[in-house]
């Protein structure tokens, strides 16, 4: 297996909702242990792109080539839905903006983590519970809350639980859709520190969609700027944000500077 080859290679990815453009002719590469931020205003196409990459929706045209653990490369959309579902619970994770969409609210915190382990074949209750306890501690949730319902958790705790649920099976690639959206500033800061530390510890590849350029700068190695469904600028995060070439990117950066002034 050649680690210098991209983990994901996107070619000409296009999606229409009827006559409405979601994204058009998107192309980029993502490497192992790399964090890629996709930024843009609402309606820019970033969520459509994320849903195509994660096989939640089938693109109108284009390819998403994925390099598997054994080294072979395959277009995700040449795979069956069953094969895609296996990827989503083994090699991949998906952290949603609203943690209630990514958790089972009717079972305990420990069961939320343990279910993911059971889905990949773990059956020893003691080992599953021990691993769940370890992961609750890792995401800064009091392990004595393992049997509590996620409904009793704060929004920040729910998001940390969703992260534990996704990462417990050691995925290679994790998709994140506005993971700090809707949280208080202080809670966001703690969650971002947690995400950054875990990503570094595990060497994860991440595609994170965010409208917040501060989140992109803190977490990502590279950045894609989208407008009207197309990529208009991409490159190393610091380079793009410190010296944006496109007027739209300049506008995004200046708006953040004005807010922080």
Protein backbone atom coordinates (compact mmCIF):
# COMPACT_ATOMS: atom_id res chain seq x y z
CA UNK A 1 0.00 0.00 0.00
CA UNK A 2 1.37 3.40 -0.99
CA UNK A 3 0.55 5.97 1.68
CA UNK A 4 1.61 8.73 -0.70
CA UNK A 5 -1.51 7.98 -2.74
CA UNK A 6 -4.60 9.96 -1.74
CA UNK A 7 -7.14 8.36 0.55
CA UNK A 8 -9.92 10.08 -1.42
CA UNK A 9 -9.82 11.49 -4.93
CA UNK A 10 -12.86 13.44 -6.12
CA UNK A 11 -13.31 13.89 -9.88
CA UNK A 12 -15.91 16.11 -11.55
CA UNK A 13 -18.46 15.68 -8.77
CA UNK A 14 -21.79 17.26 -9.73
CA UNK A 15 -25.23 17.06 -8.17
CA UNK A 16 -28.54 18.64 -9.16
CA UNK A 17 -31.77 18.62 -7.17
CA UNK A 18 -34.06 18.59 -10.20
CA UNK A 19 -33.09 21.82 -11.97
CA UNK A 20 -31.42 23.30 -8.88
CA UNK A 21 -27.62 23.06 -8.69
CA UNK A 22 -26.18 21.56 -5.53
CA UNK A 23 -22.53 21.37 -6.58
CA UNK A 24 -20.73 21.26 -9.92
CA UNK A 25 -17.47 19.83 -11.22
CA UNK A 26 -15.84 19.54 -7.79
CA UNK A 27 -12.42 17.94 -7.67
CA UNK A 28 -9.77 17.54 -4.96
CA UNK A 29 -7.66 14.98 -3.12
CA UNK A 30 -7.55 14.10 0.57
CA UNK A 31 -4.59 12.30 2.13
CA UNK A 32 -4.28 10.21 5.27
CA UNK A 33 -4.06 12.17 8.53
CA UNK A 34 -5.15 15.35 6.73
CA UNK A 35 -7.96 17.67 7.81
CA UNK A 36 -9.79 19.42 4.98
CA UNK A 37 -12.25 22.25 5.72
CA UNK A 38 -15.03 23.11 3.28
CA UNK A 39 -16.25 26.65 3.84
CA UNK A 40 -18.79 29.00 2.28
CA UNK A 41 -22.05 30.72 3.01
CA UNK A 42 -25.39 28.91 3.22
CA UNK A 43 -26.33 27.60 -0.21
CA UNK A 44 -22.72 27.42 -1.40
CA UNK A 45 -22.92 23.65 -1.93
CA UNK A 46 -20.75 22.50 0.95
CA UNK A 47 -23.38 20.28 2.59
CA UNK A 48 -24.33 18.74 -0.76
CA UNK A 49 -20.66 17.95 -1.31
CA UNK A 50 -20.35 16.35 2.13
CA UNK A 51 -23.45 14.23 1.55
CA UNK A 52 -22.12 13.04 -1.81
CA UNK A 53 -18.71 12.19 -0.34
CA UNK A 54 -20.32 10.15 2.43
CA UNK A 55 -22.69 8.38 -0.01
CA UNK A 56 -25.76 9.90 1.66
CA UNK A 57 -26.84 11.08 -1.78
CA UNK A 58 -25.85 9.81 -5.24
CA UNK A 59 -24.24 12.50 -7.42
CA UNK A 60 -25.63 13.31 -10.84
CA UNK A 61 -22.16 12.72 -12.27
CA UNK A 62 -18.54 12.37 -11.22
CA UNK A 63 -16.54 9.96 -9.08
CA UNK A 64 -15.36 9.61 -5.51
CA UNK A 65 -12.38 7.25 -5.57
CA UNK A 66 -11.56 5.70 -2.17
CA UNK A 67 -8.42 3.80 -1.20
CA UNK A 68 -9.26 0.87 1.05
CA UNK A 69 -7.07 -0.58 3.78
CA UNK A 70 -5.79 -3.29 1.43
CA UNK A 71 -4.69 -0.63 -1.06
CA UNK A 72 -7.26 -1.13 -3.79
CA UNK A 73 -9.06 1.95 -5.09
CA UNK A 74 -12.73 1.98 -6.04
CA UNK A 75 -15.40 4.50 -7.01
CA UNK A 76 -17.80 4.60 -4.08
CA UNK A 77 -20.76 4.72 -6.41
CA UNK A 78 -19.80 1.46 -8.09
CA UNK A 79 -20.43 -0.19 -4.72
CA UNK A 80 -23.74 -1.59 -3.51
CA UNK A 81 -25.74 0.20 -0.81
CA UNK A 82 -24.91 -2.64 1.58
CA UNK A 83 -21.18 -2.17 0.96
CA UNK A 84 -21.55 1.58 1.50
CA UNK A 85 -23.33 0.97 4.82
CA UNK A 86 -20.46 -1.25 5.98
CA UNK A 87 -18.02 1.57 5.22
CA UNK A 88 -20.12 4.02 7.22
CA UNK A 89 -19.94 1.89 10.35
CA UNK A 90 -16.32 0.69 10.02
CA UNK A 91 -13.89 2.83 8.02
CA UNK A 92 -15.89 6.04 8.39
CA UNK A 93 -17.63 8.21 10.94
CA UNK A 94 -20.15 11.02 10.50
CA UNK A 95 -20.52 13.70 13.18
CA UNK A 96 -23.70 15.66 12.58
CA UNK A 97 -24.40 19.27 13.55
CA UNK A 98 -27.29 18.30 15.79
CA UNK A 99 -26.05 15.47 18.00
CA UNK A 100 -29.60 14.23 18.46
CA UNK A 101 -29.51 13.23 14.79
CA UNK A 102 -26.37 11.15 15.37
CA UNK A 103 -27.30 9.52 18.69
CA UNK A 104 -29.95 7.08 19.82
CA UNK A 105 -31.71 9.12 22.45
CA UNK A 106 -33.67 6.18 23.84
CA UNK A 107 -30.63 4.22 25.08
CA UNK A 108 -27.86 5.04 27.54
CA UNK A 109 -24.62 6.86 26.80
CA UNK A 110 -22.70 3.61 27.10
CA UNK A 111 -25.08 1.82 24.77
CA UNK A 112 -24.59 4.54 22.15
CA UNK A 113 -20.87 3.80 22.11
CA UNK A 114 -21.28 0.05 22.55
CA UNK A 115 -23.73 -0.33 19.66
CA UNK A 116 -21.08 0.84 17.22
CA UNK A 117 -18.68 -1.80 18.59
CA UNK A 118 -21.33 -4.49 18.28
CA UNK A 119 -21.95 -3.46 14.66
CA UNK A 120 -18.38 -4.48 13.82
CA UNK A 121 -18.62 -7.83 15.58
CA UNK A 122 -17.77 -7.22 19.24
CA UNK A 123 -19.93 -9.39 21.49
CA UNK A 124 -18.15 -9.51 24.89
CA UNK A 125 -20.23 -7.30 27.18
CA UNK A 126 -17.42 -6.66 29.65
CA UNK A 127 -15.00 -5.55 26.96
CA UNK A 128 -17.64 -3.38 25.28
CA UNK A 129 -18.48 -1.64 28.55
CA UNK A 130 -14.79 -1.12 29.40
CA UNK A 131 -14.14 0.40 25.98
CA UNK A 132 -17.20 2.63 26.33
CA UNK A 133 -15.95 3.84 29.73
CA UNK A 134 -12.53 4.57 28.26
CA UNK A 135 -14.06 6.61 25.45
CA UNK A 136 -16.35 8.59 27.74
CA UNK A 137 -13.26 9.65 29.67
CA UNK A 138 -11.44 10.41 26.45
CA UNK A 139 -14.15 12.85 25.34
CA UNK A 140 -14.34 14.39 28.84
CA UNK A 141 -17.64 12.87 29.97
CA UNK A 142 -17.80 11.68 33.58
CA UNK A 143 -17.72 7.85 33.27
CA UNK A 144 -20.24 7.58 36.10
CA UNK A 145 -22.77 8.86 33.53
CA UNK A 146 -22.36 5.74 31.38
CA UNK A 147 -25.87 4.49 32.19
CA UNK A 148 -27.53 7.91 31.88
CA UNK A 149 -29.72 8.85 28.94
CA UNK A 150 -28.23 11.34 26.44
CA UNK A 151 -31.44 13.33 26.99
CA UNK A 152 -30.03 14.35 30.38
CA UNK A 153 -26.82 15.67 28.79
CA UNK A 154 -26.08 19.25 27.74
CA UNK A 155 -25.66 20.02 24.03
CA UNK A 156 -21.89 20.02 24.37
CA UNK A 157 -21.90 16.67 26.17
CA UNK A 158 -24.19 15.19 23.53
CA UNK A 159 -21.77 16.29 20.83
CA UNK A 160 -18.84 14.75 22.71
CA UNK A 161 -20.84 11.52 23.05
CA UNK A 162 -21.55 11.53 19.33
CA UNK A 163 -17.82 11.90 18.69
CA UNK A 164 -17.07 8.93 20.96
CA UNK A 165 -19.73 6.85 19.21
CA UNK A 166 -18.14 7.58 15.83
CA UNK A 167 -14.50 7.12 16.80
CA UNK A 168 -14.72 4.00 18.98
CA UNK A 169 -14.24 1.71 15.94
CA UNK A 170 -11.04 3.52 14.84
CA UNK A 171 -12.28 4.86 11.48
CA UNK A 172 -9.84 6.21 8.92
CA UNK A 173 -12.10 8.99 7.63
CA UNK A 174 -14.58 11.15 9.52
CA UNK A 175 -17.07 13.61 8.08
CA UNK A 176 -18.12 16.52 10.29
CA UNK A 177 -21.03 18.84 9.50
CA UNK A 178 -20.79 22.06 11.54
CA UNK A 179 -19.81 20.12 14.71
CA UNK A 180 -19.72 23.26 16.90
CA UNK A 181 -22.85 24.87 15.46
CA UNK A 182 -25.40 26.04 18.00
CA UNK A 183 -23.08 25.78 21.00
CA UNK A 184 -22.05 28.59 23.34
CA UNK A 185 -18.65 30.11 22.63
CA UNK A 186 -17.00 28.61 25.72
CA UNK A 187 -18.44 25.17 24.94
CA UNK A 188 -17.28 25.50 21.32
CA UNK A 189 -13.73 26.27 22.46
CA UNK A 190 -13.55 23.17 24.68
CA UNK A 191 -15.03 20.98 21.95
CA UNK A 192 -12.58 22.29 19.34
CA UNK A 193 -9.64 21.59 21.65
CA UNK A 194 -10.98 18.07 22.16
CA UNK A 195 -11.43 17.45 18.44
CA UNK A 196 -7.98 18.78 17.62
CA UNK A 197 -6.34 16.57 20.26
CA UNK A 198 -8.18 13.39 19.25
CA UNK A 199 -7.57 13.97 15.52
CA UNK A 200 -3.85 14.33 16.21
CA UNK A 201 -3.73 11.30 18.54
CA UNK A 202 -5.52 9.00 16.09
CA UNK A 203 -4.09 10.39 12.84
CA UNK A 204 -7.57 10.73 11.37
CA UNK A 205 -8.49 12.09 7.98
CA UNK A 206 -11.31 14.62 8.34
CA UNK A 207 -13.61 16.49 5.99
CA UNK A 208 -15.26 19.24 8.01
CA UNK A 209 -17.96 21.55 6.71
CA UNK A 210 -18.14 24.88 8.52
CA UNK A 211 -19.19 28.46 7.92
CA UNK A 212 -16.80 29.54 10.70
CA UNK A 213 -13.36 30.43 9.35
CA UNK A 214 -11.94 30.40 12.90
CA UNK A 215 -12.91 26.72 13.16
CA UNK A 216 -11.33 26.04 9.76
CA UNK A 217 -8.09 27.76 10.77
CA UNK A 218 -7.85 25.93 14.08
CA UNK A 219 -8.58 22.43 12.79
CA UNK A 220 -7.69 22.13 9.12
CA UNK A 221 -4.53 21.65 7.08
CA UNK A 222 -6.17 22.62 3.81
CA UNK A 223 -9.28 24.54 2.90
CA UNK A 224 -11.79 24.61 0.06
CA UNK A 225 -13.90 27.72 -0.49
CA UNK A 226 -17.22 27.14 -2.25
CA UNK A 227 -19.62 29.57 -3.88
CA UNK A 228 -22.72 28.78 -5.96
CA UNK A 229 -21.89 25.08 -5.92
CA UNK A 230 -18.33 25.42 -7.20
CA UNK A 231 -14.87 25.52 -5.68
CA UNK A 232 -13.49 29.00 -6.23
CA UNK A 233 -10.32 28.72 -4.14
CA UNK A 234 -8.37 26.01 -2.35
CA UNK A 235 -4.98 25.52 -0.75
CA UNK A 236 -3.18 25.40 2.59
CA UNK A 237 -5.48 26.89 5.21
CA UNK A 238 -3.14 29.59 6.50
CA UNK A 239 -2.16 30.64 2.99
CA UNK A 240 -5.74 30.95 1.78
CA UNK A 241 -6.94 32.81 4.87
CA UNK A 242 -3.91 35.08 5.16
CA UNK A 243 -3.68 35.89 1.44
CA UNK A 244 -7.02 35.13 -0.25
CA UNK A 245 -6.94 35.63 -4.02
CA UNK A 246 -10.64 35.52 -4.87
CA UNK A 247 -12.85 38.53 -4.03
CA UNK A 248 -15.44 36.23 -2.43
CA UNK A 249 -12.81 34.69 -0.11
CA UNK A 250 -11.51 38.16 0.69
CA UNK A 251 -15.05 39.15 1.64
CA UNK A 252 -15.45 36.13 3.92
CA UNK A 253 -12.16 36.84 5.66
CA UNK A 254 -12.84 40.55 6.04
CA UNK A 255 -16.28 39.90 7.52
CA UNK A 256 -14.68 37.77 10.24
CA UNK A 257 -12.09 40.46 10.93
CA UNK A 258 -14.83 43.07 11.24
CA UNK A 259 -16.78 40.91 13.67
CA UNK A 260 -13.67 40.42 15.78
CA UNK A 261 -12.69 44.10 15.70
